[in-house]
Amino acid sequence: ESVALITDGRFSGGTRGACIGHISPEAAVGGPIGLLQNGDLVAIDIPNNKIDVKLTKKDLTQRKKAWKPPEPRIKTGCLAKYAALATSADTGAVLRW
């Protein structure tokens, strides 16, 4: 209840206190949430629908340059196809055909 939950994924069972889910673009595609590190301060302004990380543009730029996409955990089968075809939530979370 004293810590907010901010995630680019689902948060079943984690809905106590401030919870912000389905942040996009997701970390896996280079979204800003993937640049955060332990200890970073994040300001949440619920009335104005705004989330800000308390880092300089220089810090964020350096982290973005060092960022590498994660290796897919599942490389074959239906889930691999889904991961390759599904778009981010910020573009509608639809399948590309």
Foldseek 3Di string as FASTA:
>chain_A
DPDEAEALADDVPPPDDHYHYNDPPHLLVQDQVVLDDPPWDWDDDVVVRDIDTPDDPVSSVVSSVVDDHDDDPDCDDDVNQLVVFFDGVVVPRDGDD
